[in-house]
Amino acid sequence: MNDCIDLLKEVEEGMKSLNDIDGVVYSLLYKITAAYYEKKEKFSEFYQAGLQYLAYTPTSDISPEEQKNWSIKMGMAVVLGKEIYNIAELLEKDVLKALHGTDHEWLFHMLQAMETGNISEFERVCEEHNVYSADPVIEKNKTQLSQKIRILAFLDLIFHKEKGERHTTFDEVSVVS
């Protein structure tokens, strides 16, 4: 028996061989694919499918409530996904503006701090909004999240150096962590 994801991948492959497929079809395909991965708690796969959904779906076609829900789900995927380190593409999406003025605005600020590898800002957001005590899933993944922000800080340190000067000293690394 075929698993749902196998069928979705088969549909995606079939669509690639066709011309003039309306973006709405891709939008729906990736929305369904994202829903599948969300149910399976495969955060990285959900995130990738969600980015595809948002790429094919104009923000104006998503209700304000759904924009907020997508923003929360995508943000939490970044926070909980062990392999997700590229946050810039999500931060560029207009849909994240739906978090402003909500009880999840902290998530937007957390994502910004993660994108820049700003450990002190990340910790400030977590402390100010009691993120660990307010969300048991984040509390459960606190160690992984702490490691992730430090890796992001290290990557930020490296990529802000000149291309030919990307060697790093222990002193520089110790300041980051």
N, C-alpha and C. Protein backbone atom coordinates (compact mmCIF):
# COMPACT_ATOMS: atom_id res chain seq x y z
N MET A 1 0.84 -1.18 0.00
CA MET A 1 0.00 0.00 0.00
C MET A 1 0.89 1.25 0.00
N ASN A 2 0.57 2.19 -0.83
CA ASN A 2 1.35 3.43 -0.92
C ASN A 2 1.07 4.34 0.25
N ASP A 3 2.12 4.90 0.79
CA ASP A 3 1.98 5.90 1.83
C ASP A 3 1.53 7.20 1.16
N CYS A 4 0.85 8.02 1.89
CA CYS A 4 0.35 9.29 1.37
C CYS A 4 1.48 10.11 0.75
N ILE A 5 2.63 10.15 1.41
CA ILE A 5 3.73 10.98 0.91
C ILE A 5 4.26 10.46 -0.42
N ASP A 6 4.23 9.13 -0.60
CA ASP A 6 4.65 8.56 -1.88
C ASP A 6 3.74 9.04 -3.00
N LEU A 7 2.45 9.09 -2.73
CA LEU A 7 1.50 9.58 -3.72
C LEU A 7 1.70 11.06 -4.01
N LEU A 8 1.97 11.83 -2.97
CA LEU A 8 2.21 13.26 -3.17
C LEU A 8 3.48 13.51 -3.99
N LYS A 9 4.51 12.73 -3.72
CA LYS A 9 5.76 12.86 -4.50
C LYS A 9 5.53 12.45 -5.95
N GLU A 10 4.72 11.44 -6.15
CA GLU A 10 4.40 10.98 -7.50
C GLU A 10 3.64 12.08 -8.26
N VAL A 11 2.71 12.73 -7.60
CA VAL A 11 1.97 13.84 -8.21
C VAL A 11 2.92 14.98 -8.55
N GLU A 12 3.81 15.30 -7.62
CA GLU A 12 4.77 16.38 -7.85
C GLU A 12 5.65 16.08 -9.06
N GLU A 13 6.16 14.86 -9.15
CA GLU A 13 6.99 14.47 -10.30
C GLU A 13 6.20 14.57 -11.60
N GLY A 14 4.97 14.12 -11.57
CA GLY A 14 4.12 14.20 -12.76
C GLY A 14 3.87 15.63 -13.18
N MET A 15 3.71 16.52 -12.22
CA MET A 15 3.46 17.93 -12.52
C MET A 15 4.68 18.58 -13.16
N LYS A 16 5.87 18.14 -12.75
CA LYS A 16 7.10 18.72 -13.30
C LYS A 16 7.23 18.46 -14.80
N SER A 17 6.62 17.38 -15.26
CA SER A 17 6.73 17.04 -16.68
C SER A 17 5.69 17.77 -17.53
N LEU A 18 4.78 18.46 -16.90
CA LEU A 18 3.73 19.18 -17.62
C LEU A 18 4.07 20.66 -17.73
N ASN A 19 3.52 21.30 -18.74
CA ASN A 19 3.71 22.74 -18.92
C ASN A 19 2.46 23.47 -18.47
N ASP A 20 2.64 24.71 -18.14
CA ASP A 20 1.52 25.61 -17.84
C ASP A 20 0.63 25.14 -16.69
N ILE A 21 1.25 24.63 -15.64
CA ILE A 21 0.48 24.28 -14.45
C ILE A 21 0.25 25.56 -13.66
N ASP A 22 -0.97 25.83 -13.32
CA ASP A 22 -1.31 27.01 -12.53
C ASP A 22 -0.67 26.93 -11.15
N GLY A 23 -0.19 28.04 -10.66
CA GLY A 23 0.45 28.09 -9.36
C GLY A 23 -0.46 27.62 -8.23
N VAL A 24 -1.76 27.74 -8.41
CA VAL A 24 -2.72 27.29 -7.40
C VAL A 24 -2.58 25.79 -7.16
N VAL A 25 -2.30 25.04 -8.22
CA VAL A 25 -2.14 23.59 -8.09
C VAL A 25 -0.92 23.28 -7.24
N TYR A 26 0.20 23.97 -7.51
CA TYR A 26 1.39 23.78 -6.69
C TYR A 26 1.12 24.21 -5.25
N SER A 27 0.42 25.31 -5.09
CA SER A 27 0.09 25.80 -3.76
C SER A 27 -0.64 24.72 -2.95
N LEU A 28 -1.65 24.13 -3.56
CA LEU A 28 -2.41 23.09 -2.87
C LEU A 28 -1.57 21.84 -2.60
N LEU A 29 -0.75 21.46 -3.56
CA LEU A 29 0.11 20.29 -3.37
C LEU A 29 1.02 20.49 -2.16
N TYR A 30 1.66 21.64 -2.08
CA TYR A 30 2.59 21.89 -0.98
C TYR A 30 1.86 22.10 0.35
N LYS A 31 0.66 22.63 0.31
CA LYS A 31 -0.14 22.77 1.53
C LYS A 31 -0.48 21.39 2.09
N ILE A 32 -0.88 20.49 1.22
CA ILE A 32 -1.20 19.12 1.65
C ILE A 32 0.05 18.40 2.13
N THR A 33 1.15 18.58 1.40
CA THR A 33 2.42 17.95 1.80
C THR A 33 2.86 18.46 3.17
N ALA A 34 2.73 19.77 3.38
CA ALA A 34 3.09 20.35 4.68
C ALA A 34 2.20 19.77 5.78
N ALA A 35 0.92 19.63 5.51
CA ALA A 35 0.00 19.07 6.51
C ALA A 35 0.40 17.64 6.87
N TYR A 36 0.82 16.88 5.88
CA TYR A 36 1.27 15.50 6.13
C TYR A 36 2.48 15.51 7.08
N TYR A 37 3.48 16.31 6.74
CA TYR A 37 4.69 16.34 7.57
C TYR A 37 4.41 16.92 8.96
N GLU A 38 3.48 17.84 9.04
CA GLU A 38 3.12 18.38 10.36
C GLU A 38 2.55 17.28 11.24
N LYS A 39 1.67 16.46 10.69
CA LYS A 39 1.09 15.35 11.45
C LYS A 39 2.14 14.34 11.88
N LYS A 40 3.16 14.16 11.05
CA LYS A 40 4.24 13.21 11.36
C LYS A 40 5.31 13.83 12.26
N GLU A 41 5.17 15.12 12.58
CA GLU A 41 6.13 15.87 13.37
C GLU A 41 7.54 15.82 12.77
N LYS A 42 7.58 15.93 11.46
CA LYS A 42 8.85 16.02 10.74
C LYS A 42 9.04 17.50 10.41
N PHE A 43 9.68 18.20 11.35
CA PHE A 43 9.74 19.66 11.29
C PHE A 43 10.48 20.19 10.07
N SER A 44 11.60 19.58 9.73
CA SER A 44 12.38 20.07 8.59
C SER A 44 11.62 19.90 7.28
N GLU A 45 10.98 18.75 7.10
CA GLU A 45 10.21 18.49 5.89
C GLU A 45 8.98 19.41 5.84
N PHE A 46 8.35 19.60 7.00
CA PHE A 46 7.22 20.52 7.07
C PHE A 46 7.65 21.92 6.65
N TYR A 47 8.78 22.35 7.18
CA TYR A 47 9.29 23.68 6.89
C TYR A 47 9.54 23.87 5.38
N GLN A 48 10.17 22.89 4.77
CA GLN A 48 10.45 22.99 3.33
C GLN A 48 9.16 23.03 2.51
N ALA A 49 8.21 22.16 2.84
CA ALA A 49 6.93 22.16 2.13
C ALA A 49 6.16 23.46 2.40
N GLY A 50 6.24 23.94 3.64
CA GLY A 50 5.58 25.19 3.99
C GLY A 50 6.15 26.38 3.24
N LEU A 51 7.47 26.41 3.09
CA LEU A 51 8.08 27.49 2.29
C LEU A 51 7.61 27.44 0.85
N GLN A 52 7.49 26.23 0.31
CA GLN A 52 6.99 26.08 -1.06
C GLN A 52 5.53 26.57 -1.15
N TYR A 53 4.73 26.18 -0.17
CA TYR A 53 3.33 26.64 -0.14
C TYR A 53 3.28 28.16 -0.13
N LEU A 54 4.07 28.78 0.73
CA LEU A 54 4.06 30.25 0.83
C LEU A 54 4.62 30.90 -0.43
N ALA A 55 5.52 30.22 -1.12
CA ALA A 55 6.08 30.76 -2.36
C ALA A 55 5.02 30.78 -3.48
N TYR A 56 4.16 29.79 -3.48
CA TYR A 56 3.14 29.69 -4.53
C TYR A 56 1.81 30.33 -4.14
N THR A 57 1.71 30.85 -2.94
CA THR A 57 0.44 31.39 -2.46
C THR A 57 0.61 32.85 -2.09
N PRO A 58 -0.05 33.75 -2.82
CA PRO A 58 0.03 35.16 -2.44
C PRO A 58 -0.54 35.35 -1.02
N THR A 59 0.12 36.18 -0.24
CA THR A 59 -0.33 36.44 1.12
C THR A 59 -1.78 36.91 1.13
N SER A 60 -2.17 37.67 0.12
CA SER A 60 -3.55 38.18 0.05
C SER A 60 -4.58 37.06 -0.10
N ASP A 61 -4.14 35.87 -0.52
CA ASP A 61 -5.06 34.74 -0.65
C ASP A 61 -5.19 33.92 0.64
N ILE A 62 -4.47 34.33 1.67
CA ILE A 62 -4.49 33.62 2.95
C ILE A 62 -5.18 34.53 3.96
N SER A 63 -6.19 34.01 4.64
CA SER A 63 -6.91 34.81 5.63
C SER A 63 -5.96 35.24 6.75
N PRO A 64 -6.27 36.34 7.42
CA PRO A 64 -5.41 36.80 8.52
C PRO A 64 -5.20 35.73 9.59
N GLU A 65 -6.24 34.99 9.93
CA GLU A 65 -6.12 33.94 10.94
C GLU A 65 -5.21 32.82 10.44
N GLU A 66 -5.35 32.46 9.18
CA GLU A 66 -4.50 31.42 8.61
C GLU A 66 -3.06 31.90 8.49
N GLN A 67 -2.86 33.18 8.20
CA GLN A 67 -1.50 33.74 8.16
C GLN A 67 -0.84 33.59 9.53
N LYS A 68 -1.59 33.91 10.58
CA LYS A 68 -1.06 33.77 11.93
C LYS A 68 -0.73 32.31 12.22
N ASN A 69 -1.63 31.41 11.86
CA ASN A 69 -1.40 29.98 12.11
C ASN A 69 -0.17 29.47 11.36
N TRP A 70 -0.03 29.86 10.09
CA TRP A 70 1.14 29.44 9.31
C TRP A 70 2.42 30.01 9.92
N SER A 71 2.35 31.26 10.35
CA SER A 71 3.53 31.89 10.95
C SER A 71 3.96 31.16 12.21
N ILE A 72 3.00 30.79 13.04
CA ILE A 72 3.31 30.06 14.27
C ILE A 72 3.89 28.69 13.94
N LYS A 73 3.24 27.98 13.04
CA LYS A 73 3.70 26.62 12.68
C LYS A 73 5.09 26.66 12.06
N MET A 74 5.32 27.60 11.15
CA MET A 74 6.62 27.69 10.49
C MET A 74 7.69 28.13 11.49
N GLY A 75 7.35 29.09 12.34
CA GLY A 75 8.31 29.54 13.35
C GLY A 75 8.67 28.42 14.32
N MET A 76 7.68 27.67 14.74
CA MET A 76 7.95 26.55 15.65
C MET A 76 8.76 25.46 14.95
N ALA A 77 8.54 25.28 13.66
CA ALA A 77 9.35 24.30 12.91
C ALA A 77 10.82 24.72 12.94
N VAL A 78 11.08 26.01 12.77
CA VAL A 78 12.46 26.51 12.84
C VAL A 78 13.04 26.25 14.23
N VAL A 79 12.27 26.57 15.25
CA VAL A 79 12.73 26.42 16.63
C VAL A 79 13.01 24.96 16.95
N LEU A 80 12.14 24.06 16.49
CA LEU A 80 12.23 22.65 16.87
C LEU A 80 12.96 21.77 15.86
N GLY A 81 13.09 22.23 14.63
CA GLY A 81 13.74 21.44 13.59
C GLY A 81 15.24 21.39 13.78
N LYS A 82 15.76 20.21 13.95
CA LYS A 82 17.19 20.05 14.23
C LYS A 82 18.07 20.45 13.06
N GLU A 83 17.56 20.35 11.84
CA GLU A 83 18.38 20.63 10.66
C GLU A 83 18.10 22.00 10.04
N ILE A 84 17.25 22.80 10.63
CA ILE A 84 16.86 24.07 10.02
C ILE A 84 17.75 25.19 10.56
N TYR A 85 18.58 25.74 9.68
CA TYR A 85 19.45 26.84 10.06
C TYR A 85 19.28 28.05 9.15
N ASN A 86 18.62 27.89 8.02
CA ASN A 86 18.39 29.01 7.11
C ASN A 86 17.01 29.59 7.39
N ILE A 87 17.00 30.70 8.09
CA ILE A 87 15.75 31.31 8.53
C ILE A 87 15.39 32.51 7.67
N ALA A 88 16.34 33.00 6.91
CA ALA A 88 16.16 34.23 6.14
C ALA A 88 14.96 34.15 5.20
N GLU A 89 14.80 33.02 4.54
CA GLU A 89 13.70 32.89 3.58
C GLU A 89 12.35 33.05 4.26
N LEU A 90 12.21 32.50 5.44
CA LEU A 90 10.96 32.65 6.18
C LEU A 90 10.76 34.09 6.63
N LEU A 91 11.82 34.73 7.12
CA LEU A 91 11.70 36.11 7.60
C LEU A 91 11.35 37.08 6.48
N GLU A 92 11.62 36.70 5.24
CA GLU A 92 11.28 37.55 4.10
C GLU A 92 9.80 37.47 3.73
N LYS A 93 9.09 36.50 4.24
CA LYS A 93 7.68 36.29 3.90
C LYS A 93 6.79 37.29 4.63
N ASP A 94 5.89 37.91 3.88
CA ASP A 94 4.95 38.87 4.47
C ASP A 94 4.03 38.23 5.50
N VAL A 95 3.82 36.94 5.37
CA VAL A 95 2.91 36.24 6.27
C VAL A 95 3.34 36.38 7.73
N LEU A 96 4.64 36.54 7.99
CA LEU A 96 5.12 36.66 9.37
C LEU A 96 4.65 37.95 10.05
N LYS A 97 4.24 38.92 9.26
CA LYS A 97 3.72 40.16 9.85
C LYS A 97 2.46 39.89 10.67
N ALA A 98 1.83 38.74 10.42
CA ALA A 98 0.61 38.38 11.15
C ALA A 98 0.90 38.14 12.64
N LEU A 99 2.16 37.96 13.01
CA LEU A 99 2.51 37.75 14.42
C LEU A 99 2.55 39.06 15.21
N HIS A 100 2.71 40.17 14.51
CA HIS A 100 2.80 41.48 15.19
C HIS A 100 1.50 41.78 15.94
N GLY A 101 1.66 42.17 17.18
CA GLY A 101 0.50 42.53 17.98
C GLY A 101 -0.28 41.35 18.52
N THR A 102 0.29 40.15 18.41
CA THR A 102 -0.39 38.95 18.94
C THR A 102 0.37 38.41 20.14
N ASP A 103 -0.19 37.39 20.75
CA ASP A 103 0.49 36.76 21.88
C ASP A 103 1.66 35.89 21.44
N HIS A 104 1.90 35.81 20.13
CA HIS A 104 3.05 35.08 19.58
C HIS A 104 4.08 36.00 18.93
N GLU A 105 4.00 37.28 19.21
CA GLU A 105 4.97 38.21 18.63
C GLU A 105 6.39 37.85 19.06
N TRP A 106 6.53 37.27 20.25
CA TRP A 106 7.84 36.83 20.74
C TRP A 106 8.50 35.88 19.75
N LEU A 107 7.70 35.07 19.06
CA LEU A 107 8.25 34.11 18.11
C LEU A 107 8.93 34.83 16.95
N PHE A 108 8.33 35.91 16.49
CA PHE A 108 8.94 36.72 15.43
C PHE A 108 10.30 37.26 15.89
N HIS A 109 10.34 37.79 17.10
CA HIS A 109 11.59 38.34 17.64
C HIS A 109 12.64 37.25 17.88
N MET A 110 12.17 36.09 18.30
CA MET A 110 13.08 34.96 18.49
C MET A 110 13.71 34.56 17.15
N LEU A 111 12.90 34.51 16.11
CA LEU A 111 13.40 34.14 14.78
C LEU A 111 14.41 35.17 14.28
N GLN A 112 14.14 36.44 14.52
CA GLN A 112 15.08 37.48 14.13
C GLN A 112 16.42 37.31 14.85
N ALA A 113 16.36 37.03 16.14
CA ALA A 113 17.59 36.83 16.91
C ALA A 113 18.34 35.60 16.41
N MET A 114 17.61 34.55 16.06
CA MET A 114 18.25 33.34 15.54
C MET A 114 18.90 33.62 14.19
N GLU A 115 18.23 34.36 13.35
CA GLU A 115 18.76 34.66 12.01
C GLU A 115 20.10 35.38 12.08
N THR A 116 20.24 36.28 13.04
CA THR A 116 21.49 37.03 13.17
C THR A 116 22.47 36.38 14.14
N GLY A 117 22.05 35.26 14.74
CA GLY A 117 22.93 34.59 15.69
C GLY A 117 23.17 35.41 16.95
N ASN A 118 22.21 36.24 17.31
CA ASN A 118 22.34 37.13 18.45
C ASN A 118 21.90 36.40 19.72
N ILE A 119 22.85 35.80 20.41
CA ILE A 119 22.56 34.98 21.59
C ILE A 119 21.92 35.81 22.70
N SER A 120 22.45 36.99 22.98
CA SER A 120 21.90 37.79 24.08
C SER A 120 20.46 38.23 23.79
N GLU A 121 20.17 38.59 22.55
CA GLU A 121 18.80 38.97 22.18
C GLU A 121 17.87 37.75 22.26
N PHE A 122 18.36 36.63 21.80
CA PHE A 122 17.60 35.38 21.88
C PHE A 122 17.24 35.07 23.34
N GLU A 123 18.24 35.13 24.21
CA GLU A 123 18.01 34.85 25.63
C GLU A 123 17.10 35.89 26.27
N ARG A 124 17.22 37.14 25.85
CA ARG A 124 16.34 38.20 26.37
C ARG A 124 14.89 37.91 26.00
N VAL A 125 14.64 37.54 24.74
CA VAL A 125 13.28 37.23 24.29
C VAL A 125 12.73 36.04 25.09
N CYS A 126 13.55 35.01 25.23
CA CYS A 126 13.11 33.81 25.98
C CYS A 126 12.75 34.15 27.41
N GLU A 127 13.59 34.97 28.05
CA GLU A 127 13.37 35.33 29.45
C GLU A 127 12.17 36.26 29.59
N GLU A 128 12.12 37.30 28.75
CA GLU A 128 11.05 38.30 28.84
C GLU A 128 9.67 37.67 28.63
N HIS A 129 9.59 36.67 27.78
CA HIS A 129 8.30 36.07 27.44
C HIS A 129 8.10 34.69 28.08
N ASN A 130 8.99 34.35 29.03
CA ASN A 130 8.89 33.06 29.72
C ASN A 130 8.66 31.91 28.75
N VAL A 131 9.42 31.92 27.67
CA VAL A 131 9.21 30.96 26.58
C VAL A 131 9.33 29.52 27.07
N TYR A 132 10.33 29.23 27.87
CA TYR A 132 10.54 27.84 28.29
C TYR A 132 9.43 27.34 29.21
N SER A 133 9.01 28.18 30.13
CA SER A 133 7.96 27.72 31.04
C SER A 133 6.58 27.78 30.40
N ALA A 134 6.41 28.64 29.38
CA ALA A 134 5.10 28.78 28.74
C ALA A 134 4.82 27.69 27.71
N ASP A 135 5.86 27.09 27.15
CA ASP A 135 5.65 26.08 26.11
C ASP A 135 6.42 24.82 26.45
N PRO A 136 5.73 23.75 26.82
CA PRO A 136 6.41 22.51 27.22
C PRO A 136 7.24 21.87 26.10
N VAL A 137 6.84 22.06 24.86
CA VAL A 137 7.60 21.49 23.74
C VAL A 137 8.95 22.20 23.61
N ILE A 138 8.93 23.51 23.77
CA ILE A 138 10.19 24.26 23.71
C ILE A 138 11.04 23.92 24.93
N GLU A 139 10.41 23.81 26.09
CA GLU A 139 11.13 23.42 27.32
C GLU A 139 11.84 22.08 27.11
N LYS A 140 11.14 21.14 26.52
CA LYS A 140 11.69 19.81 26.26
C LYS A 140 12.92 19.87 25.34
N ASN A 141 12.93 20.84 24.44
CA ASN A 141 14.01 20.98 23.45
C ASN A 141 14.96 22.12 23.78
N LYS A 142 14.99 22.53 25.03
CA LYS A 142 15.80 23.68 25.46
C LYS A 142 17.29 23.50 25.14
N THR A 143 17.82 22.33 25.40
CA THR A 143 19.25 22.08 25.16
C THR A 143 19.57 22.17 23.67
N GLN A 144 18.74 21.54 22.86
CA GLN A 144 18.95 21.58 21.41
C GLN A 144 18.85 23.02 20.90
N LEU A 145 17.90 23.78 21.44
CA LEU A 145 17.71 25.17 21.02
C LEU A 145 18.90 26.03 21.43
N SER A 146 19.44 25.78 22.60
CA SER A 146 20.62 26.49 23.07
C SER A 146 21.81 26.21 22.15
N GLN A 147 21.96 24.96 21.76
CA GLN A 147 23.03 24.60 20.82
C GLN A 147 22.80 25.26 19.47
N LYS A 148 21.57 25.28 19.03
CA LYS A 148 21.25 25.85 17.72
C LYS A 148 21.59 27.34 17.64
N ILE A 149 21.22 28.11 18.67
CA ILE A 149 21.52 29.54 18.63
C ILE A 149 23.02 29.77 18.65
N ARG A 150 23.76 28.92 19.31
CA ARG A 150 25.22 29.06 19.33
C ARG A 150 25.83 28.69 17.98
N ILE A 151 25.30 27.69 17.34
CA ILE A 151 25.76 27.35 15.98
C ILE A 151 25.45 28.49 15.03
N LEU A 152 24.25 29.07 15.16
CA LEU A 152 23.88 30.20 14.30
C LEU A 152 24.79 31.40 14.56
N ALA A 153 25.16 31.63 15.80
CA ALA A 153 26.08 32.72 16.13
C ALA A 153 27.45 32.46 15.51
N PHE A 154 27.90 31.22 15.59
CA PHE A 154 29.20 30.85 15.00
C PHE A 154 29.16 31.05 13.48
N LEU A 155 28.08 30.60 12.84
CA LEU A 155 27.95 30.78 11.39
C LEU A 155 27.93 32.26 11.02
N ASP A 156 27.24 33.06 11.82
CA ASP A 156 27.20 34.50 11.58
C ASP A 156 28.60 35.11 11.69
N LEU A 157 29.36 34.66 12.69
CA LEU A 157 30.74 35.13 12.87
C LEU A 157 31.58 34.81 11.63
N ILE A 158 31.48 33.60 11.16
CA ILE A 158 32.27 33.17 10.00
C ILE A 158 31.88 33.93 8.74
N PHE A 159 30.58 34.06 8.50
CA PHE A 159 30.15 34.67 7.24
C PHE A 159 30.26 36.19 7.22
N HIS A 160 30.57 36.79 8.35
CA HIS A 160 30.83 38.22 8.36
C HIS A 160 32.31 38.54 8.16
N LYS A 161 33.10 37.50 8.00
CA LYS A 161 34.51 37.69 7.69
C LYS A 161 34.69 37.74 6.17
N GLU A 162 35.78 38.33 5.75
CA GLU A 162 36.10 38.35 4.33
C GLU A 162 36.27 36.92 3.83
N LYS A 163 35.93 36.71 2.58
CA LYS A 163 35.94 35.36 2.01
C LYS A 163 37.27 34.63 2.22
N GLY A 164 38.35 35.26 2.02
CA GLY A 164 39.66 34.63 2.17
C GLY A 164 40.18 34.62 3.60
N GLU A 165 39.46 35.23 4.52
CA GLU A 165 39.91 35.36 5.91
C GLU A 165 38.96 34.66 6.88
N ARG A 166 38.47 33.52 6.52
CA ARG A 166 37.46 32.86 7.34
C ARG A 166 38.02 31.90 8.38
N HIS A 167 39.30 32.01 8.68
CA HIS A 167 39.82 31.23 9.79
C HIS A 167 39.40 31.95 11.07
N THR A 168 39.18 31.18 12.11
CA THR A 168 38.64 31.72 13.35
C THR A 168 39.49 31.26 14.52
N THR A 169 39.73 32.16 15.44
CA THR A 169 40.53 31.81 16.61
C THR A 169 39.61 31.31 17.73
N PHE A 170 40.20 30.61 18.69
CA PHE A 170 39.44 30.15 19.84
C PHE A 170 38.88 31.33 20.64
N ASP A 171 39.64 32.42 20.68
CA ASP A 171 39.16 33.61 21.39
C ASP A 171 37.89 34.14 20.77
N GLU A 172 37.84 34.18 19.44
CA GLU A 172 36.63 34.66 18.75
C GLU A 172 35.44 33.74 19.02
N VAL A 173 35.70 32.45 19.00
CA VAL A 173 34.62 31.48 19.25
C VAL A 173 34.13 31.58 20.70
N SER A 174 35.04 31.77 21.63
CA SER A 174 34.66 31.84 23.04
C SER A 174 33.76 33.04 23.31
N VAL A 175 33.92 34.11 22.58
CA VAL A 175 33.08 35.30 22.74
C VAL A 175 31.67 34.98 22.28
N VAL A 176 31.55 34.18 21.22
CA VAL A 176 30.25 33.81 20.66
C VAL A 176 29.47 32.95 21.63
N SER A 177 30.12 31.98 22.23
CA SER A 177 29.38 31.01 23.06
C SER A 177 29.24 31.53 24.47
